[in-house]
């Protein structure tokens, strides 16, 4: 059985690969627009570049007394914890940014999949995403699509039980 972490990593890897496939099919560059085009918030690192940058520094702070304030003081002054998060760090911000980019790529792929050549990565990724997002259809189908696989699994278990019983 997969552990929770392995399952989450697998889902992240699947989403990333689908996103990269859609990006290559759409010809997307994968670079966000200028930071000034969007409101400053957690999704754009509060207007600062990701990673270390001298623009985040508070040069008025004494690095011997409070190096954290010296290195990140301006960022710390504007950074606020988003209401849906329990923590705020570089990894969380990067994860949010990647989730938004992959989501946009998948939505674009779903919109463009109807005109994409049949069998192309764009068509396949777009159709897969669109099918997974069609909640009304999924709810109407319920477990019907899984019933054949469930029957085969049940039949195999019965055969195994019978074969074990005949050995005794």
C-alpha atoms as a PDB file:
ATOM      1  CA  UNK A   1       0.000   0.000   0.000  1.00  0.00           C
ATOM      2  CA  UNK A   2       1.282   3.467  -0.831  1.00  0.00           C
ATOM      3  CA  UNK A   3       2.098   5.747   2.028  1.00  0.00           C
ATOM      4  CA  UNK A   4       0.444   9.160   2.068  1.00  0.00           C
ATOM      5  CA  UNK A   5       3.685  10.887   1.098  1.00  0.00           C
ATOM      6  CA  UNK A   6       4.383   8.532  -1.812  1.00  0.00           C
ATOM      7  CA  UNK A   7       0.826   8.984  -3.048  1.00  0.00           C
ATOM      8  CA  UNK A   8       1.092  12.784  -2.846  1.00  0.00           C
ATOM      9  CA  UNK A   9       4.435  12.732  -4.677  1.00  0.00           C
ATOM     10  CA  UNK A  10       2.923  10.522  -7.355  1.00  0.00           C
ATOM     11  CA  UNK A  11       0.002  12.914  -7.832  1.00  0.00           C
ATOM     12  CA  UNK A  12       2.384  15.890  -8.005  1.00  0.00           C
ATOM     13  CA  UNK A  13       4.547  14.071 -10.563  1.00  0.00           C
ATOM     14  CA  UNK A  14       1.481  13.169 -12.648  1.00  0.00           C
ATOM     15  CA  UNK A  15       0.185  16.750 -12.586  1.00  0.00           C
ATOM     16  CA  UNK A  16       3.614  18.113 -13.451  1.00  0.00           C
ATOM     17  CA  UNK A  17       4.043  15.713 -16.367  1.00  0.00           C
ATOM     18  CA  UNK A  18       0.543  16.522 -17.649  1.00  0.00           C
ATOM     19  CA  UNK A  19       1.314  20.208 -17.297  1.00  0.00           C
ATOM     20  CA  UNK A  20       4.617  19.890 -19.137  1.00  0.00           C
ATOM     21  CA  UNK A  21       2.956  17.905 -21.911  1.00  0.00           C
ATOM     22  CA  UNK A  22       0.275  20.550 -22.248  1.00  0.00           C
ATOM     23  CA  UNK A  23       2.865  23.334 -22.158  1.00  0.00           C
ATOM     24  CA  UNK A  24       4.914  21.773 -24.915  1.00  0.00           C
ATOM     25  CA  UNK A  25       1.818  21.160 -26.981  1.00  0.00           C
ATOM     26  CA  UNK A  26       0.586  24.719 -26.479  1.00  0.00           C
ATOM     27  CA  UNK A  27       4.034  26.209 -26.990  1.00  0.00           C
ATOM     28  CA  UNK A  28       3.860  27.946 -23.611  1.00  0.00           C
ATOM     29  CA  UNK A  29       7.048  29.453 -22.305  1.00  0.00           C
ATOM     30  CA  UNK A  30       6.229  28.650 -18.676  1.00  0.00           C
ATOM     31  CA  UNK A  31       7.318  32.077 -17.436  1.00  0.00           C
ATOM     32  CA  UNK A  32       4.927  34.253 -15.481  1.00  0.00           C
ATOM     33  CA  UNK A  33       4.131  37.764 -16.633  1.00  0.00           C
ATOM     34  CA  UNK A  34       5.573  40.857 -14.979  1.00  0.00           C
ATOM     35  CA  UNK A  35       4.976  41.081 -11.252  1.00  0.00           C
ATOM     36  CA  UNK A  36       3.423  44.532 -11.636  1.00  0.00           C
ATOM     37  CA  UNK A  37       0.561  43.115 -13.746  1.00  0.00           C
ATOM     38  CA  UNK A  38      -0.984  41.237 -10.817  1.00  0.00           C
ATOM     39  CA  UNK A  39      -1.888  42.388  -7.321  1.00  0.00           C
ATOM     40  CA  UNK A  40       0.831  41.763  -4.759  1.00  0.00           C
ATOM     41  CA  UNK A  41       0.090  38.704  -2.680  1.00  0.00           C
ATOM     42  CA  UNK A  42       1.318  35.289  -1.683  1.00  0.00           C
ATOM     43  CA  UNK A  43       0.875  33.957  -5.207  1.00  0.00           C
ATOM     44  CA  UNK A  44       3.522  36.328  -6.562  1.00  0.00           C
ATOM     45  CA  UNK A  45       5.763  36.301  -3.449  1.00  0.00           C
ATOM     46  CA  UNK A  46       4.422  39.717  -2.389  1.00  0.00           C
ATOM     47  CA  UNK A  47       6.068  41.432  -5.353  1.00  0.00           C
ATOM     48  CA  UNK A  48       9.571  40.129  -4.671  1.00  0.00           C
ATOM     49  CA  UNK A  49      11.522  37.584  -6.730  1.00  0.00           C
ATOM     50  CA  UNK A  50      11.655  34.007  -5.442  1.00  0.00           C
ATOM     51  CA  UNK A  51      14.805  33.028  -3.549  1.00  0.00           C
ATOM     52  CA  UNK A  52      17.347  35.416  -2.124  1.00  0.00           C
ATOM     53  CA  UNK A  53      17.370  38.917  -3.546  1.00  0.00           C
ATOM     54  CA  UNK A  54      18.948  42.094  -2.212  1.00  0.00           C
ATOM     55  CA  UNK A  55      15.658  43.936  -2.684  1.00  0.00           C
ATOM     56  CA  UNK A  56      14.282  41.895   0.252  1.00  0.00           C
ATOM     57  CA  UNK A  57      17.043  43.052   2.589  1.00  0.00           C
ATOM     58  CA  UNK A  58      16.569  45.505   5.456  1.00  0.00           C
ATOM     59  CA  UNK A  59      19.959  47.208   5.437  1.00  0.00           C
ATOM     60  CA  UNK A  60      18.981  49.198   8.522  1.00  0.00           C
ATOM     61  CA  UNK A  61      19.002  46.015  10.620  1.00  0.00           C
ATOM     62  CA  UNK A  62      22.215  44.865  12.273  1.00  0.00           C
ATOM     63  CA  UNK A  63      23.125  41.439  10.793  1.00  0.00           C
ATOM     64  CA  UNK A  64      24.982  40.519  14.019  1.00  0.00           C
ATOM     65  CA  UNK A  65      21.831  41.036  16.096  1.00  0.00           C
ATOM     66  CA  UNK A  66      19.082  39.774  13.754  1.00  0.00           C
ATOM     67  CA  UNK A  67      20.351  38.228  10.530  1.00  0.00           C
ATOM     68  CA  UNK A  68      16.861  37.093   9.515  1.00  0.00           C
ATOM     69  CA  UNK A  69      15.591  40.696   9.614  1.00  0.00           C
ATOM     70  CA  UNK A  70      18.718  41.873   7.769  1.00  0.00           C
ATOM     71  CA  UNK A  71      18.364  39.289   4.973  1.00  0.00           C
ATOM     72  CA  UNK A  72      14.545  39.352   4.587  1.00  0.00           C
ATOM     73  CA  UNK A  73      13.290  42.437   6.429  1.00  0.00           C
ATOM     74  CA  UNK A  74      11.416  44.136   3.578  1.00  0.00           C
ATOM     75  CA  UNK A  75       9.757  40.837   2.629  1.00  0.00           C
ATOM     76  CA  UNK A  76       8.823  40.148   6.262  1.00  0.00           C
ATOM     77  CA  UNK A  77       7.165  43.588   6.460  1.00  0.00           C
ATOM     78  CA  UNK A  78       4.755  42.863   3.587  1.00  0.00           C
ATOM     79  CA  UNK A  79       4.302  39.087   3.815  1.00  0.00           C
ATOM     80  CA  UNK A  80       1.034  37.991   5.396  1.00  0.00           C
ATOM     81  CA  UNK A  81      -0.163  34.472   6.035  1.00  0.00           C
ATOM     82  CA  UNK A  82      -2.876  33.497   3.520  1.00  0.00           C
ATOM     83  CA  UNK A  83      -6.145  32.481   5.170  1.00  0.00           C
ATOM     84  CA  UNK A  84      -6.013  28.979   3.702  1.00  0.00           C
ATOM     85  CA  UNK A  85      -2.460  28.202   4.855  1.00  0.00           C
ATOM     86  CA  UNK A  86      -0.958  27.185   8.159  1.00  0.00           C
ATOM     87  CA  UNK A  87       2.543  28.295   7.183  1.00  0.00           C
ATOM     88  CA  UNK A  88       4.323  30.623   4.826  1.00  0.00           C
ATOM     89  CA  UNK A  89       7.699  29.693   3.404  1.00  0.00           C
ATOM     90  CA  UNK A  90       9.454  29.509   0.074  1.00  0.00           C
ATOM     91  CA  UNK A  91       8.350  25.951  -0.638  1.00  0.00           C
ATOM     92  CA  UNK A  92       4.687  26.742   0.106  1.00  0.00           C
ATOM     93  CA  UNK A  93       4.827  29.829  -2.121  1.00  0.00           C
ATOM     94  CA  UNK A  94       6.528  27.900  -4.917  1.00  0.00           C
ATOM     95  CA  UNK A  95       3.977  25.094  -4.599  1.00  0.00           C
ATOM     96  CA  UNK A  96       1.080  27.574  -4.877  1.00  0.00           C
ATOM     97  CA  UNK A  97       2.666  29.184  -7.921  1.00  0.00           C
ATOM     98  CA  UNK A  98       3.246  25.824  -9.636  1.00  0.00           C
ATOM     99  CA  UNK A  99      -0.302  24.677  -8.854  1.00  0.00           C
ATOM    100  CA  UNK A 100      -1.694  27.802 -10.515  1.00  0.00           C
ATOM    101  CA  UNK A 101       0.564  27.419 -13.565  1.00  0.00           C
ATOM    102  CA  UNK A 102      -0.250  23.728 -14.029  1.00  0.00           C
ATOM    103  CA  UNK A 103      -3.963  24.452 -13.543  1.00  0.00           C
ATOM    104  CA  UNK A 104      -3.875  27.138 -16.217  1.00  0.00           C
ATOM    105  CA  UNK A 105      -1.962  24.867 -18.600  1.00  0.00           C
ATOM    106  CA  UNK A 106      -4.493  22.082 -18.091  1.00  0.00           C
ATOM    107  CA  UNK A 107      -7.465  24.418 -18.575  1.00  0.00           C
ATOM    108  CA  UNK A 108      -5.875  25.787 -21.760  1.00  0.00           C
ATOM    109  CA  UNK A 109      -5.227  22.232 -22.978  1.00  0.00           C
ATOM    110  CA  UNK A 110      -8.847  21.256 -22.283  1.00  0.00           C
ATOM    111  CA  UNK A 111     -10.087  24.282 -24.239  1.00  0.00           C
ATOM    112  CA  UNK A 112      -7.750  23.606 -27.177  1.00  0.00           C
ATOM    113  CA  UNK A 113      -8.158  19.816 -27.256  1.00  0.00           C
ATOM    114  CA  UNK A 114     -11.252  19.949 -29.468  1.00  0.00           C
ATOM    115  CA  UNK A 115      -9.239  21.457 -32.337  1.00  0.00           C
ATOM    116  CA  UNK A 116      -5.992  19.562 -31.679  1.00  0.00           C
ATOM    117  CA  UNK A 117      -4.971  16.680 -33.957  1.00  0.00           C
ATOM    118  CA  UNK A 118      -6.355  13.360 -32.731  1.00  0.00           C
ATOM    119  CA  UNK A 119      -3.798  11.453 -30.654  1.00  0.00           C
ATOM    120  CA  UNK A 120      -1.593  14.499 -30.026  1.00  0.00           C
ATOM    121  CA  UNK A 121      -0.395  15.162 -26.459  1.00  0.00           C
ATOM    122  CA  UNK A 122      -2.514  18.323 -26.370  1.00  0.00           C
ATOM    123  CA  UNK A 123      -5.659  16.422 -27.312  1.00  0.00           C
ATOM    124  CA  UNK A 124      -4.953  13.583 -24.871  1.00  0.00           C
ATOM    125  CA  UNK A 125      -4.089  15.831 -21.908  1.00  0.00           C
ATOM    126  CA  UNK A 126      -6.988  18.177 -22.618  1.00  0.00           C
ATOM    127  CA  UNK A 127      -9.519  15.366 -22.928  1.00  0.00           C
ATOM    128  CA  UNK A 128      -8.265  13.652 -19.763  1.00  0.00           C
ATOM    129  CA  UNK A 129      -8.494  16.872 -17.767  1.00  0.00           C
ATOM    130  CA  UNK A 130     -11.910  17.760 -19.199  1.00  0.00           C
ATOM    131  CA  UNK A 131     -13.234  14.280 -18.398  1.00  0.00           C
ATOM    132  CA  UNK A 132     -11.999  14.508 -14.825  1.00  0.00           C
ATOM    133  CA  UNK A 133     -13.523  17.949 -14.351  1.00  0.00           C
ATOM    134  CA  UNK A 134     -16.961  16.982 -15.698  1.00  0.00           C
ATOM    135  CA  UNK A 135     -18.405  16.483 -12.217  1.00  0.00           C
ATOM    136  CA  UNK A 136     -22.027  16.203 -13.345  1.00  0.00           C
ATOM    137  CA  UNK A 137     -21.213  13.313 -15.694  1.00  0.00           C
ATOM    138  CA  UNK A 138     -19.031  11.606 -13.090  1.00  0.00           C
ATOM    139  CA  UNK A 139     -21.799  11.817 -10.499  1.00  0.00           C
ATOM    140  CA  UNK A 140     -24.405  10.522 -12.956  1.00  0.00           C
ATOM    141  CA  UNK A 141     -22.199   7.528 -13.844  1.00  0.00           C
ATOM    142  CA  UNK A 142     -21.450   6.709 -10.212  1.00  0.00           C
ATOM    143  CA  UNK A 143     -19.561   3.420  -9.915  1.00  0.00           C
ATOM    144  CA  UNK A 144     -20.953   1.945 -13.160  1.00  0.00           C
ATOM    145  CA  UNK A 145     -17.640   2.210 -15.084  1.00  0.00           C
ATOM    146  CA  UNK A 146     -15.846   0.345 -12.272  1.00  0.00           C
ATOM    147  CA  UNK A 147     -18.252  -2.586 -12.081  1.00  0.00           C
ATOM    148  CA  UNK A 148     -16.576  -4.777 -14.762  1.00  0.00           C
ATOM    149  CA  UNK A 149     -13.201  -4.465 -13.016  1.00  0.00           C
ATOM    150  CA  UNK A 150     -14.833  -5.149  -9.665  1.00  0.00           C
ATOM    151  CA  UNK A 151     -16.496  -8.299 -11.062  1.00  0.00           C
ATOM    152  CA  UNK A 152     -13.180  -9.562 -12.467  1.00  0.00           C
ATOM    153  CA  UNK A 153     -11.497  -8.969  -9.116  1.00  0.00           C
ATOM    154  CA  UNK A 154     -14.279 -10.784  -7.277  1.00  0.00           C
ATOM    155  CA  UNK A 155     -14.099 -13.695  -9.751  1.00  0.00           C
ATOM    156  CA  UNK A 156     -10.335 -14.005  -9.242  1.00  0.00           C
ATOM    157  CA  UNK A 157     -10.750 -14.096  -5.466  1.00  0.00           C
ATOM    158  CA  UNK A 158     -13.374 -16.833  -5.783  1.00  0.00           C
ATOM    159  CA  UNK A 159     -11.091 -18.879  -8.052  1.00  0.00           C
ATOM    160  CA  UNK A 160      -8.223 -18.525  -5.568  1.00  0.00           C
ATOM    161  CA  UNK A 161     -10.430 -19.640  -2.691  1.00  0.00           C
ATOM    162  CA  UNK A 162     -11.623 -22.663  -4.653  1.00  0.00           C
ATOM    163  CA  UNK A 163      -8.087 -23.626  -5.645  1.00  0.00           C
ATOM    164  CA  UNK A 164      -6.905 -23.336  -2.035  1.00  0.00           C
ATOM    165  CA  UNK A 165      -9.789 -25.492  -0.861  1.00  0.00           C
ATOM    166  CA  UNK A 166      -8.982 -28.269  -3.351  1.00  0.00           C
ATOM    167  CA  UNK A 167      -5.370 -28.531  -2.148  1.00  0.00           C
ATOM    168  CA  UNK A 168      -6.322 -29.661   1.349  1.00  0.00           C
END
